[in-house]
Amino acid sequence: MGSEANANDRSGISKLFATVANATSQAAGRASAFMTAAAVVVAWAVTGPIFNFSDTWQLVINTGTTIVTFLMVFLIQNSQNRDSAAIQVKLDELIRVSNAQNSLVGIEHLTNDEIDELRKKCEARAKAGRGRAPIKQADRKSRPVGGAKAVE
């Protein structure tokens, strides 16, 4: 019972973070956000002579930009992870319902070297004009959706 409540709390926090991250990244990507940030920098620069270009004056912009950058890294990564996962699911579904090779479903779990090897084989096959000839998998097999056996 305690672990179920814990899971619900984590799910709630995760949903809250996703909602806040999505709203913030949508707002940060607007022209008005850029214009606001540019106006802040211009206002800071204009106040330089007023504060005699002091260390505190410099610290204000450095601290502000560092904090914003630090927080934006997490928001951007969250958005990128969510977008990549959604695209992967869509691609996997397109592969599953088409005549494409189902063995390619799940290759995102392979190492970079294994994916590069598959890419080279796909490119070579495309250049040779062989259409849908099977691709021999890298040493490890991909993990297709639904437990289907990978094609060799």
Protein backbone atom coordinates (compact mmCIF):
# COMPACT_ATOMS: atom_id res chain seq x y z
CA MET A 1 0.00 0.00 0.00
CA GLY A 2 2.85 2.38 0.83
CA SER A 3 4.67 1.68 -2.43
CA GLU A 4 1.45 2.25 -4.41
CA ALA A 5 1.03 5.66 -2.78
CA ASN A 6 4.69 6.38 -3.53
CA ALA A 7 4.16 5.45 -7.19
CA ASN A 8 1.10 7.70 -7.38
CA ASP A 9 3.10 10.59 -5.86
CA ARG A 10 5.89 10.07 -8.41
CA SER A 11 3.34 9.87 -11.21
CA GLY A 12 1.74 13.10 -10.03
CA ILE A 13 5.10 14.84 -9.81
CA SER A 14 6.05 13.50 -13.23
CA LYS A 15 2.78 14.75 -14.75
CA LEU A 16 3.19 18.13 -13.06
CA PHE A 17 6.78 18.44 -14.32
CA ALA A 18 5.71 17.43 -17.85
CA THR A 19 2.92 20.03 -17.80
CA VAL A 20 5.17 22.80 -16.50
CA ALA A 21 8.03 21.81 -18.83
CA ASN A 22 5.74 21.74 -21.85
CA ALA A 23 4.13 25.10 -21.05
CA THR A 24 7.51 26.72 -20.32
CA SER A 25 9.18 25.35 -23.44
CA GLN A 26 6.22 26.53 -25.54
CA ALA A 27 6.49 30.00 -24.01
CA ALA A 28 10.30 30.11 -24.29
CA GLY A 29 10.11 29.28 -27.98
CA ARG A 30 8.01 32.32 -28.84
CA ALA A 31 9.34 35.50 -30.39
CA SER A 32 8.02 37.48 -27.44
CA ALA A 33 10.25 35.51 -25.07
CA PHE A 34 13.29 36.32 -27.19
CA MET A 35 12.32 39.97 -27.35
CA THR A 36 11.88 40.06 -23.57
CA ALA A 37 15.29 38.48 -23.02
CA ALA A 38 16.88 40.91 -25.49
CA ALA A 39 15.18 43.85 -23.72
CA VAL A 40 16.57 42.65 -20.36
CA VAL A 41 20.08 42.53 -21.81
CA VAL A 42 19.70 45.99 -23.36
CA ALA A 43 18.34 47.39 -20.08
CA TRP A 44 21.25 45.81 -18.22
CA ALA A 45 23.76 47.29 -20.69
CA VAL A 46 22.17 50.75 -20.49
CA THR A 47 22.42 50.72 -16.68
CA GLY A 48 26.16 49.99 -16.86
CA PRO A 49 27.24 53.64 -16.64
CA ILE A 50 24.74 54.27 -13.84
CA PHE A 51 26.37 51.56 -11.73
CA ASN A 52 29.89 52.38 -12.97
CA PHE A 53 30.11 48.93 -14.57
CA SER A 54 30.60 47.52 -11.07
CA ASP A 55 31.23 43.91 -10.16
CA THR A 56 27.71 43.72 -8.72
CA TRP A 57 26.28 45.04 -12.01
CA GLN A 58 28.13 42.28 -13.90
CA LEU A 59 27.16 39.68 -11.31
CA VAL A 60 23.45 40.43 -11.85
CA ILE A 61 23.50 39.45 -15.54
CA ASN A 62 25.89 36.54 -15.00
CA THR A 63 23.80 35.07 -12.21
CA GLY A 64 20.53 35.60 -14.04
CA THR A 65 21.70 34.02 -17.28
CA THR A 66 23.32 31.11 -15.44
CA ILE A 67 20.13 30.31 -13.55
CA VAL A 68 17.97 30.54 -16.67
CA THR A 69 20.41 28.39 -18.66
CA PHE A 70 20.61 25.79 -15.90
CA LEU A 71 16.83 25.45 -15.69
CA MET A 72 16.33 25.49 -19.47
CA VAL A 73 18.69 22.52 -19.88
CA PHE A 74 16.23 20.32 -17.98
CA LEU A 75 13.22 21.66 -19.85
CA ILE A 76 14.86 21.19 -23.25
CA GLN A 77 16.00 17.67 -22.37
CA ASN A 78 12.51 16.76 -21.16
CA SER A 79 10.93 18.07 -24.37
CA GLN A 80 13.52 16.31 -26.52
CA ASN A 81 13.06 13.00 -24.68
CA ARG A 82 9.28 13.21 -25.01
CA ASP A 83 9.45 14.14 -28.70
CA SER A 84 11.98 11.39 -29.47
CA ALA A 85 9.89 8.77 -27.68
CA ALA A 86 6.73 9.86 -29.50
CA ILE A 87 8.45 9.82 -32.88
CA GLN A 88 9.94 6.40 -32.15
CA VAL A 89 6.53 4.98 -31.29
CA LYS A 90 5.08 6.44 -34.49
CA LEU A 91 7.92 5.04 -36.60
CA ASP A 92 7.64 1.63 -34.93
CA GLU A 93 3.92 1.58 -35.68
CA LEU A 94 4.50 2.55 -39.32
CA ILE A 95 7.08 -0.22 -39.65
CA ARG A 96 4.75 -2.69 -37.97
CA VAL A 97 1.79 -2.02 -40.26
CA SER A 98 3.76 -1.73 -43.51
CA ASN A 99 5.83 -4.06 -45.64
CA ALA A 100 8.98 -2.56 -44.12
CA GLN A 101 11.28 -4.83 -42.20
CA ASN A 102 9.92 -5.45 -38.73
CA SER A 103 13.45 -6.36 -37.66
CA LEU A 104 14.22 -2.62 -37.58
CA VAL A 105 11.67 -2.01 -34.84
CA GLY A 106 13.54 -1.43 -31.60
CA ILE A 107 16.99 -0.74 -33.06
CA GLU A 108 17.21 2.35 -30.86
CA HIS A 109 18.27 -0.07 -28.11
CA LEU A 110 21.42 -1.06 -30.03
CA THR A 111 24.80 0.57 -29.53
CA ASN A 112 25.90 3.45 -31.75
CA ASP A 113 28.32 1.14 -33.57
CA GLU A 114 25.57 -1.39 -34.27
CA ILE A 115 23.24 1.34 -35.54
CA ASP A 116 26.03 2.73 -37.75
CA GLU A 117 26.58 -0.75 -39.18
CA LEU A 118 22.86 -1.05 -39.97
CA ARG A 119 22.84 2.43 -41.52
CA LYS A 120 25.75 1.51 -43.79
CA LYS A 121 23.96 -1.68 -44.87
CA CYS A 122 20.75 0.27 -45.58
CA GLU A 123 22.66 2.86 -47.60
CA ALA A 124 24.51 0.17 -49.57
CA ARG A 125 21.23 -1.62 -50.26
CA ALA A 126 19.61 1.64 -51.41
CA LYS A 127 22.55 2.43 -53.73
CA ALA A 128 22.41 -1.08 -55.18
CA GLY A 129 18.68 -0.60 -55.79
CA ARG A 130 17.79 -3.91 -54.20
CA GLY A 131 14.65 -2.53 -52.60
CA ARG A 132 13.53 -4.73 -49.73
CA ALA A 133 16.26 -7.34 -49.52
CA PRO A 134 16.70 -8.32 -45.86
CA ILE A 135 19.37 -6.59 -43.82
CA LYS A 136 21.65 -8.82 -41.83
CA GLN A 137 21.47 -7.55 -38.26
CA ALA A 138 24.43 -6.34 -36.23
CA ASP A 139 25.91 -8.79 -33.72
CA ARG A 140 23.11 -8.12 -31.24
CA LYS A 141 19.56 -8.31 -32.48
CA SER A 142 17.12 -5.45 -32.04
CA ARG A 143 14.24 -5.91 -29.66
CA PRO A 144 11.14 -5.75 -31.88
CA VAL A 145 7.83 -4.68 -30.39
CA GLY A 146 5.52 -7.55 -29.47
CA GLY A 147 8.28 -10.12 -29.10
CA ALA A 148 8.52 -10.80 -32.85
CA LYS A 149 11.73 -12.54 -33.90
CA ALA A 150 14.25 -10.28 -35.63
CA VAL A 151 14.98 -11.04 -39.28
CA GLU A 152 18.52 -12.09 -40.20
